[in-house]
Amino acid sequence: MTQIDDQTRLEIEAAAFRTLRAHLMEKRTDVQNIDLMNLAGFCRNCLSRWYQEAANERGIALTKEEAREIYYGMPYDDWKTQFQTEAAPEKQTAFKTAFAQNVGERK
């Protein structure tokens, strides 16, 4: 296996995250968060929460709304208006299970 120094690994991981973000935010806006959560156990909101948590761990105070706006590139309500569709009842039920299994209780 190729040896990669810590700084290069960090840069590669950051580039992979930026590519994932661009894919979800620019190329696949048709994929609904509820579908991501139901199939993969995470969604765009999870990614923005992980971003917030990483910032907070480094002493950078970000609110959930601020982290979402950074991740989404716009206020979350604007994203929902432009791209989010109403989820069928069976998707909403599946989401409750997926959320409980993957996220748990959130405050």
C-alpha atoms as a PDB file:
ATOM      1  CA  MET A   1       0.000   0.000   0.000  1.00  0.00           C
ATOM      2  CA  THR A   2       1.232   3.481  -0.848  1.00  0.00           C
ATOM      3  CA  GLN A   3       2.364   5.488   2.153  1.00  0.00           C
ATOM      4  CA  ILE A   4       0.714   8.894   2.406  1.00  0.00           C
ATOM      5  CA  ASP A   5       1.823  11.524   4.886  1.00  0.00           C
ATOM      6  CA  ASP A   6      -0.777  13.006   7.241  1.00  0.00           C
ATOM      7  CA  GLN A   7      -1.052  16.390   5.477  1.00  0.00           C
ATOM      8  CA  THR A   8      -1.523  14.791   2.063  1.00  0.00           C
ATOM      9  CA  ARG A   9      -4.101  12.360   3.499  1.00  0.00           C
ATOM     10  CA  LEU A  10      -5.973  15.316   5.015  1.00  0.00           C
ATOM     11  CA  GLU A  11      -5.937  17.142   1.662  1.00  0.00           C
ATOM     12  CA  ILE A  12      -7.161  14.047  -0.195  1.00  0.00           C
ATOM     13  CA  GLU A  13      -9.959  13.494   2.333  1.00  0.00           C
ATOM     14  CA  ALA A  14     -10.985  17.154   2.029  1.00  0.00           C
ATOM     15  CA  ALA A  15     -11.003  16.901  -1.765  1.00  0.00           C
ATOM     16  CA  ALA A  16     -13.148  13.757  -1.604  1.00  0.00           C
ATOM     17  CA  PHE A  17     -15.606  15.548   0.721  1.00  0.00           C
ATOM     18  CA  ARG A  18     -15.796  18.540  -1.637  1.00  0.00           C
ATOM     19  CA  THR A  19     -16.467  16.186  -4.548  1.00  0.00           C
ATOM     20  CA  LEU A  20     -19.238  14.416  -2.615  1.00  0.00           C
ATOM     21  CA  ARG A  21     -20.760  17.773  -1.685  1.00  0.00           C
ATOM     22  CA  ALA A  22     -20.635  19.026  -5.283  1.00  0.00           C
ATOM     23  CA  HIS A  23     -22.132  15.766  -6.529  1.00  0.00           C
ATOM     24  CA  LEU A  24     -25.070  15.978  -4.111  1.00  0.00           C
ATOM     25  CA  MET A  25     -25.571  19.733  -4.384  1.00  0.00           C
ATOM     26  CA  GLU A  26     -24.994  20.342  -8.088  1.00  0.00           C
ATOM     27  CA  LYS A  27     -25.303  17.120 -10.053  1.00  0.00           C
ATOM     28  CA  ARG A  28     -27.953  15.221  -8.077  1.00  0.00           C
ATOM     29  CA  THR A  29     -30.324  17.805  -6.647  1.00  0.00           C
ATOM     30  CA  ASP A  30     -33.076  15.393  -7.708  1.00  0.00           C
ATOM     31  CA  VAL A  31     -32.040  12.908  -5.018  1.00  0.00           C
ATOM     32  CA  GLN A  32     -34.102  13.646  -1.943  1.00  0.00           C
ATOM     33  CA  ASN A  33     -32.593  13.735   1.539  1.00  0.00           C
ATOM     34  CA  ILE A  34     -35.204  11.258   2.734  1.00  0.00           C
ATOM     35  CA  ASP A  35     -34.124   8.777   0.052  1.00  0.00           C
ATOM     36  CA  LEU A  36     -30.464   9.189   1.021  1.00  0.00           C
ATOM     37  CA  MET A  37     -31.282   8.598   4.680  1.00  0.00           C
ATOM     38  CA  ASN A  38     -33.525   5.627   3.972  1.00  0.00           C
ATOM     39  CA  LEU A  39     -30.955   3.948   1.706  1.00  0.00           C
ATOM     40  CA  ALA A  40     -27.587   5.040   3.085  1.00  0.00           C
ATOM     41  CA  GLY A  41     -28.271   6.115   6.655  1.00  0.00           C
ATOM     42  CA  PHE A  42     -27.124   9.707   6.072  1.00  0.00           C
ATOM     43  CA  CYS A  43     -28.191  12.738   4.053  1.00  0.00           C
ATOM     44  CA  ARG A  44     -27.111  16.285   3.284  1.00  0.00           C
ATOM     45  CA  ASN A  45     -28.314  17.411   6.715  1.00  0.00           C
ATOM     46  CA  CYS A  46     -26.059  14.788   8.328  1.00  0.00           C
ATOM     47  CA  LEU A  47     -23.114  16.099   6.333  1.00  0.00           C
ATOM     48  CA  SER A  48     -23.845  19.654   7.452  1.00  0.00           C
ATOM     49  CA  ARG A  49     -24.183  18.440  11.060  1.00  0.00           C
ATOM     50  CA  TRP A  50     -20.840  16.615  10.828  1.00  0.00           C
ATOM     51  CA  TYR A  51     -19.339  19.849   9.489  1.00  0.00           C
ATOM     52  CA  GLN A  52     -20.805  21.750  12.444  1.00  0.00           C
ATOM     53  CA  GLU A  53     -19.548  19.170  14.933  1.00  0.00           C
ATOM     54  CA  ALA A  54     -16.035  19.257  13.444  1.00  0.00           C
ATOM     55  CA  ALA A  55     -16.008  23.064  13.661  1.00  0.00           C
ATOM     56  CA  ASN A  56     -17.300  23.006  17.242  1.00  0.00           C
ATOM     57  CA  GLU A  57     -14.599  20.476  18.222  1.00  0.00           C
ATOM     58  CA  ARG A  58     -12.046  23.009  16.992  1.00  0.00           C
ATOM     59  CA  GLY A  59     -13.542  25.865  19.015  1.00  0.00           C
ATOM     60  CA  ILE A  60     -15.461  27.386  16.099  1.00  0.00           C
ATOM     61  CA  ALA A  61     -19.027  28.085  17.170  1.00  0.00           C
ATOM     62  CA  LEU A  62     -21.428  27.260  14.355  1.00  0.00           C
ATOM     63  CA  THR A  63     -25.150  26.847  14.772  1.00  0.00           C
ATOM     64  CA  LYS A  64     -27.077  24.155  12.920  1.00  0.00           C
ATOM     65  CA  GLU A  65     -28.502  26.821  10.611  1.00  0.00           C
ATOM     66  CA  GLU A  66     -25.069  28.333   9.902  1.00  0.00           C
ATOM     67  CA  ALA A  67     -23.573  24.936   9.114  1.00  0.00           C
ATOM     68  CA  ARG A  68     -26.468  24.100   6.825  1.00  0.00           C
ATOM     69  CA  GLU A  69     -26.086  27.381   4.953  1.00  0.00           C
ATOM     70  CA  ILE A  70     -22.356  26.718   4.507  1.00  0.00           C
ATOM     71  CA  TYR A  71     -23.006  23.169   3.300  1.00  0.00           C
ATOM     72  CA  TYR A  72     -26.030  23.938   1.104  1.00  0.00           C
ATOM     73  CA  GLY A  73     -24.554  27.192  -0.213  1.00  0.00           C
ATOM     74  CA  MET A  74     -27.832  28.921   0.612  1.00  0.00           C
ATOM     75  CA  PRO A  75     -30.323  29.095   3.464  1.00  0.00           C
ATOM     76  CA  TYR A  76     -31.823  25.642   4.052  1.00  0.00           C
ATOM     77  CA  ASP A  77     -35.364  26.932   3.514  1.00  0.00           C
ATOM     78  CA  ASP A  78     -34.309  28.135   0.048  1.00  0.00           C
ATOM     79  CA  TRP A  79     -32.924  24.668  -0.748  1.00  0.00           C
ATOM     80  CA  LYS A  80     -36.148  23.024   0.382  1.00  0.00           C
ATOM     81  CA  THR A  81     -38.223  25.397  -1.747  1.00  0.00           C
ATOM     82  CA  GLN A  82     -36.105  24.792  -4.852  1.00  0.00           C
ATOM     83  CA  PHE A  83     -35.396  21.068  -4.615  1.00  0.00           C
ATOM     84  CA  GLN A  84     -37.310  19.200  -1.934  1.00  0.00           C
ATOM     85  CA  THR A  85     -40.511  17.371  -2.781  1.00  0.00           C
ATOM     86  CA  GLU A  86     -43.193  15.953  -0.513  1.00  0.00           C
ATOM     87  CA  ALA A  87     -42.329  12.450   0.663  1.00  0.00           C
ATOM     88  CA  ALA A  88     -44.844   9.636   0.453  1.00  0.00           C
ATOM     89  CA  PRO A  89     -46.109   8.290   3.794  1.00  0.00           C
ATOM     90  CA  GLU A  90     -44.175   5.031   3.424  1.00  0.00           C
ATOM     91  CA  LYS A  91     -40.930   6.990   2.908  1.00  0.00           C
ATOM     92  CA  GLN A  92     -41.691   9.052   6.005  1.00  0.00           C
ATOM     93  CA  THR A  93     -42.217   5.870   8.034  1.00  0.00           C
ATOM     94  CA  ALA A  94     -38.986   4.354   6.718  1.00  0.00           C
ATOM     95  CA  PHE A  95     -37.210   7.627   7.535  1.00  0.00           C
ATOM     96  CA  LYS A  96     -38.227   7.431  11.199  1.00  0.00           C
ATOM     97  CA  THR A  97     -36.595   4.008  11.424  1.00  0.00           C
ATOM     98  CA  ALA A  98     -33.475   5.036   9.480  1.00  0.00           C
ATOM     99  CA  PHE A  99     -33.101   8.215  11.541  1.00  0.00           C
ATOM    100  CA  ALA A 100     -33.424   6.327  14.826  1.00  0.00           C
ATOM    101  CA  GLN A 101     -30.873   3.729  13.732  1.00  0.00           C
ATOM    102  CA  ASN A 102     -28.335   6.139  12.283  1.00  0.00           C
ATOM    103  CA  VAL A 103     -28.749   9.411  14.128  1.00  0.00           C
ATOM    104  CA  GLY A 104     -30.691   8.662  17.283  1.00  0.00           C
ATOM    105  CA  GLU A 105     -32.138  11.324  19.516  1.00  0.00           C
ATOM    106  CA  ARG A 106     -31.027  14.816  18.504  1.00  0.00           C
ATOM    107  CA  LYS A 107     -31.644  17.976  20.445  1.00  0.00           C
END
